[in-house]
Every structure is written in C-alpha cells, then in structure tokens.
Amino acid sequence: MRLRLDRWDYGIIFLTGLCMLALGLVVLDDFEGGPVHWNFFDAQMDEFEKNPPTWEECVIDVADIEPNLVFLRKQAHPFLAEYERRLRIEKANEPARVLDLPMNTGGRTHVRVFLIEEDGKKYLRLKDNALLNIVIDIEQAEIAGAPPHHRGRFMGTVMQLEPQYVPGRFMFVNVEKDRDFALSVFTEAAEEGYEKSLKELNAMQPSIGVGNMK
C-alpha cells in the first residue's frame, strides 16, 4: 500500500530535517572549538533593520460594493515568509478605517474572499488555510459582532502571482471578471498545495473542473 502524505506531513519532515541540520552544525563547530557564527542570518537581520519593509496593498474589487476595500500586508520577519495583514475600508467623504487582521505565519497563504448578503446588509468574509476566518461588516466598517453563519459567495482570492503571470505581483484575482484567468492561476497554485480557491471555483461551475480536484 502506498503511503500518502499531505502538506502538513511534508512540513513536519522539512522542519525535522532543518533542526537536525542546525544540531549538526552546532556539534561540528563545538568539535572545532569555536562558537557558531550565523553570518547569513546576521546579515539578513541587519538588512531588515536598516531597510524595514513597507506595506504592500491591493484593491479587493467586488461588484456592488460602494467603499473601496484594500488588503494590505507587510513582511514581519527578515527571512521567513510571515506577514502582518490589514484591511483598509475607504468611504467617500469619511476617514479611512483600518482593521488589523490575524498575522500570516504560514508563508504565501492565499486569502479567499466571500460576499455575504443578508437582511439588506453586506458582509465580507476573509478566509485562509490557517488563522484567518473573519467577517467584516462593510457598512459599519468593522469586524462583525454577530456574523452570518453561511459562508457567502466566492468572489476571488488575494494572492501572490507566480512569475509566469505577473512577476512579483500581489493582487486580487477576481473570479467574476475573468474566470479563465482565475482558473489558470488557481490550477498553478493547486500544484503548490493551495487548492482551496480552485475547489471554490469548481463548485461555482462544475463543468470547468480540472483533473481530479474535488
């Protein structure tokens, strides 16, 4: 029987290997009689402090939503893919409201966006594969105190595009405006383990199914 591993298993294997490598370096350096010098990491830390990262942002362009919704992220670690995240809500003739979101500690995690319409009100649900599952009251420009229970309509994904699309581009991939482009991007992302957006898209229109994604 063939053993099947998911991405968490691969992550555990990778971290175990990394710890064993670090331990080996310490033992080797101790054997040679000197302290361990993490020149690479020291250089990264120095560069991070001298040139701190700035906020990247992209507009979440959702149909029939009046305020501008801007998703922001900023690298929080000099060499790990960890990011601080915010949502800025910009209403006409009003000061912008900035909401702090849970930190992304899981690499280039994609954030799926859902629109919820209930009792004449509109909400935005932001959800990733880790800590983020939050509902925003768009009218009040705040995190919903009693959010709707249903998931809402999938609108797209905030993600870092691969180089073959737009090099280094951090953007919102809108499934309603360009479904073919979204399908192509999500299919590529699924190969890296980020298959949730592709599943959401397939659920909206099963006839465009790709491979054996379920």
Protein backbone atom coordinates (compact mmCIF):
# COMPACT_ATOMS: atom_id res chain seq x y z
CA MET A 1 0.00 0.00 0.00
CA ARG A 2 1.40 3.40 -0.98
CA LEU A 3 1.78 5.90 1.86
CA ARG A 4 0.07 9.22 1.14
CA LEU A 5 1.43 12.40 2.72
CA ASP A 6 -0.31 15.76 2.89
CA ARG A 7 1.44 19.13 3.05
CA TRP A 8 1.49 19.11 6.85
CA ASP A 9 3.44 15.84 6.80
CA TYR A 10 5.93 17.35 4.38
CA GLY A 11 6.17 20.42 6.62
CA ILE A 12 6.97 18.29 9.67
CA ILE A 13 9.58 16.35 7.71
CA PHE A 14 11.15 19.60 6.50
CA LEU A 15 11.28 21.13 9.99
CA THR A 16 12.73 17.94 11.45
CA GLY A 17 15.45 17.95 8.80
CA LEU A 18 16.15 21.64 9.46
CA CYS A 19 16.53 21.01 13.19
CA MET A 20 18.86 18.07 12.56
CA LEU A 21 20.97 20.23 10.23
CA ALA A 22 21.22 23.01 12.84
CA LEU A 23 22.18 20.48 15.52
CA GLY A 24 24.84 19.04 13.23
CA LEU A 25 26.34 22.48 12.65
CA VAL A 26 26.46 23.14 16.39
CA VAL A 27 28.14 19.80 17.08
CA LEU A 28 30.66 20.33 14.27
CA ASP A 29 31.53 23.84 15.41
CA ASP A 30 31.86 22.74 19.02
CA PHE A 31 34.17 19.92 17.90
CA GLU A 32 36.38 22.51 16.20
CA GLY A 33 36.45 24.58 19.39
CA GLY A 34 34.66 27.77 18.31
CA PRO A 35 31.24 29.39 18.56
CA VAL A 36 28.68 29.14 15.79
CA HIS A 37 28.57 32.24 13.61
CA TRP A 38 25.31 32.68 11.73
CA ASN A 39 26.73 35.15 9.24
CA PHE A 40 23.88 34.72 6.79
CA PHE A 41 21.19 35.27 9.40
CA ASP A 42 23.06 38.20 10.96
CA ALA A 43 23.27 39.85 7.54
CA GLN A 44 19.58 39.33 6.97
CA MET A 45 18.70 40.83 10.34
CA ASP A 46 20.93 43.86 9.71
CA GLU A 47 19.37 44.48 6.30
CA PHE A 48 15.87 44.09 7.76
CA GLU A 49 16.60 46.72 10.42
CA LYS A 50 18.31 49.16 8.02
CA ASN A 51 15.62 48.87 5.35
CA PRO A 52 12.38 47.87 7.07
CA PRO A 53 9.68 46.54 4.77
CA THR A 54 6.78 48.71 3.68
CA TRP A 55 3.12 47.83 3.29
CA GLU A 56 2.08 46.20 0.01
CA GLU A 57 -1.53 46.64 -0.97
CA CYS A 58 -4.12 45.52 -3.49
CA VAL A 59 -7.73 46.51 -4.07
CA ILE A 60 -10.39 43.88 -3.45
CA ASP A 61 -12.60 44.74 -6.39
CA VAL A 62 -16.01 43.26 -5.58
CA ALA A 63 -19.09 44.16 -7.63
CA ASP A 64 -21.82 46.20 -5.93
CA ILE A 65 -19.62 47.22 -3.01
CA GLU A 66 -19.52 51.01 -2.53
CA PRO A 67 -16.46 51.58 -0.32
CA ASN A 68 -13.00 50.80 -1.62
CA LEU A 69 -11.63 47.69 0.09
CA VAL A 70 -7.83 47.48 0.24
CA PHE A 71 -5.95 44.46 1.55
CA LEU A 72 -2.50 45.23 2.97
CA ARG A 73 0.42 43.06 4.01
CA LYS A 74 3.93 43.73 5.32
CA GLN A 75 6.76 41.26 5.83
CA ALA A 76 7.21 40.65 9.55
CA HIS A 77 10.39 38.57 9.52
CA PRO A 78 13.72 39.09 7.73
CA PHE A 79 13.86 35.67 6.07
CA LEU A 80 10.68 33.75 6.93
CA ALA A 81 7.51 34.20 4.88
CA GLU A 82 5.49 35.80 7.66
CA TYR A 83 3.32 38.87 7.16
CA GLU A 84 1.29 41.38 9.12
CA ARG A 85 -2.11 41.95 7.49
CA ARG A 86 -4.71 44.71 7.45
CA LEU A 87 -7.89 45.70 5.65
CA ARG A 88 -8.49 49.37 4.81
CA ILE A 89 -12.06 50.50 4.15
CA GLU A 90 -12.32 53.77 2.26
CA LYS A 91 -15.69 55.51 2.16
CA ALA A 92 -16.37 58.73 0.31
CA ASN A 93 -16.06 61.87 2.48
CA GLU A 94 -15.03 59.82 5.52
CA PRO A 95 -11.68 58.99 7.10
CA ALA A 96 -10.41 55.58 6.06
CA ARG A 97 -10.88 52.81 8.61
CA VAL A 98 -8.03 50.30 9.05
CA LEU A 99 -8.72 46.90 10.61
CA ASP A 100 -5.91 44.70 11.90
CA LEU A 101 -6.18 41.08 10.75
CA PRO A 102 -4.56 37.96 12.23
CA MET A 103 -0.91 37.59 11.26
CA ASN A 104 0.02 35.26 8.43
CA THR A 105 2.53 32.76 9.82
CA GLY A 106 2.11 30.19 7.06
CA GLY A 107 4.06 31.51 4.09
CA ARG A 108 2.41 32.94 0.97
CA THR A 109 -1.05 31.99 2.18
CA HIS A 110 -3.87 32.80 -0.21
CA VAL A 111 -6.83 34.73 1.25
CA ARG A 112 -10.20 33.76 -0.22
CA VAL A 113 -12.88 36.45 -0.33
CA PHE A 114 -16.62 35.79 0.04
CA LEU A 115 -19.53 38.23 -0.23
CA ILE A 116 -22.43 37.69 2.17
CA GLU A 117 -25.76 39.45 1.64
CA GLU A 118 -28.24 39.11 4.50
CA ASP A 119 -31.19 41.22 5.68
CA GLY A 120 -30.26 44.05 3.34
CA LYS A 121 -26.69 44.20 4.64
CA LYS A 122 -23.42 43.18 3.03
CA TYR A 123 -20.53 41.45 4.70
CA LEU A 124 -17.12 40.38 3.51
CA ARG A 125 -15.66 37.09 4.72
CA LEU A 126 -11.86 36.70 4.54
CA LYS A 127 -10.58 33.16 4.94
CA ASP A 128 -7.22 31.42 4.52
CA ASN A 129 -5.95 27.94 5.34
CA ALA A 130 -4.65 28.92 8.76
CA LEU A 131 -5.75 31.53 11.33
CA LEU A 132 -7.87 33.88 9.26
CA ASN A 133 -11.64 33.40 9.13
CA ILE A 134 -13.19 36.78 9.76
CA VAL A 135 -16.36 38.60 8.69
CA ILE A 136 -16.36 42.36 8.04
CA ASP A 137 -19.49 44.48 8.35
CA ILE A 138 -18.95 46.66 5.28
CA GLU A 139 -21.48 49.35 6.20
CA GLN A 140 -20.12 49.79 9.73
CA ALA A 141 -16.52 49.28 8.59
CA GLU A 142 -15.79 46.92 11.46
CA ILE A 143 -15.48 43.25 12.33
CA ALA A 144 -18.99 41.85 12.62
CA GLY A 145 -20.06 41.25 16.21
CA ALA A 146 -22.61 38.61 15.23
CA PRO A 147 -21.53 37.43 11.78
CA PRO A 148 -23.83 35.48 9.45
CA HIS A 149 -23.43 31.72 9.67
CA HIS A 150 -23.45 30.99 5.94
CA ARG A 151 -20.18 31.18 4.05
CA GLY A 152 -21.25 33.55 1.26
CA ARG A 153 -20.50 33.76 -2.47
CA PHE A 154 -16.92 33.17 -3.55
CA MET A 155 -15.59 36.34 -5.23
CA GLY A 156 -11.89 35.67 -5.65
CA THR A 157 -8.55 35.37 -3.90
CA VAL A 158 -5.85 37.73 -2.67
CA MET A 159 -2.58 36.08 -3.67
CA GLN A 160 0.98 36.43 -4.86
CA LEU A 161 1.03 35.59 -8.55
CA GLU A 162 3.70 33.31 -9.94
CA PRO A 163 6.32 34.86 -12.30
CA GLN A 164 4.75 33.47 -15.46
CA TYR A 165 1.72 35.69 -14.86
CA VAL A 166 2.89 39.00 -13.42
CA PRO A 167 6.33 38.89 -11.74
CA GLY A 168 6.07 39.65 -8.04
CA ARG A 169 2.50 40.88 -8.39
CA PHE A 170 0.39 40.87 -5.22
CA MET A 171 -3.23 41.19 -6.30
CA PHE A 172 -6.86 40.15 -6.01
CA VAL A 173 -7.82 37.56 -8.62
CA ASN A 174 -11.50 38.24 -9.38
CA VAL A 175 -13.41 35.12 -10.47
CA GLU A 176 -16.38 37.10 -11.82
CA LYS A 177 -14.39 39.46 -14.04
CA ASP A 178 -12.02 36.90 -15.59
CA ARG A 179 -12.83 33.32 -14.75
CA ASP A 180 -10.46 31.82 -17.33
CA PHE A 181 -7.52 33.72 -15.85
CA ALA A 182 -8.60 32.73 -12.34
CA LEU A 183 -8.83 29.09 -13.38
CA SER A 184 -5.32 29.17 -14.81
CA VAL A 185 -3.86 30.85 -11.72
CA PHE A 186 -5.67 28.62 -9.23
CA THR A 187 -4.64 25.48 -11.12
CA GLU A 188 -1.00 26.53 -10.88
CA ALA A 189 -1.42 27.35 -7.19
CA ALA A 190 -3.05 23.97 -6.52
CA GLU A 191 0.17 22.27 -7.55
CA GLU A 192 1.84 24.07 -4.63
CA GLY A 193 -0.78 22.88 -2.17
CA TYR A 194 -3.12 25.89 -2.36
CA GLU A 195 -6.05 24.08 -3.90
CA LYS A 196 -8.89 25.70 -1.94
CA SER A 197 -9.50 28.52 -4.45
CA LEU A 198 -9.68 26.01 -7.29
CA LYS A 199 -12.22 23.95 -5.37
CA GLU A 200 -14.34 27.03 -4.74
CA LEU A 201 -14.23 27.92 -8.43
CA ASN A 202 -15.14 24.39 -9.49
CA ALA A 203 -18.07 24.41 -7.07
CA MET A 204 -19.41 27.54 -8.77
CA GLN A 205 -19.26 25.94 -12.22
CA PRO A 206 -18.52 22.19 -12.09
CA SER A 207 -18.25 21.89 -15.88
CA ILE A 208 -14.86 23.61 -15.82
CA GLY A 209 -13.42 21.03 -13.44
CA VAL A 210 -9.69 20.38 -13.63
CA GLY A 211 -8.07 17.00 -13.06
CA ASN A 212 -9.44 15.13 -10.10
CA MET A 213 -9.90 18.10 -7.76
CA LYS A 214 -12.92 17.52 -5.56
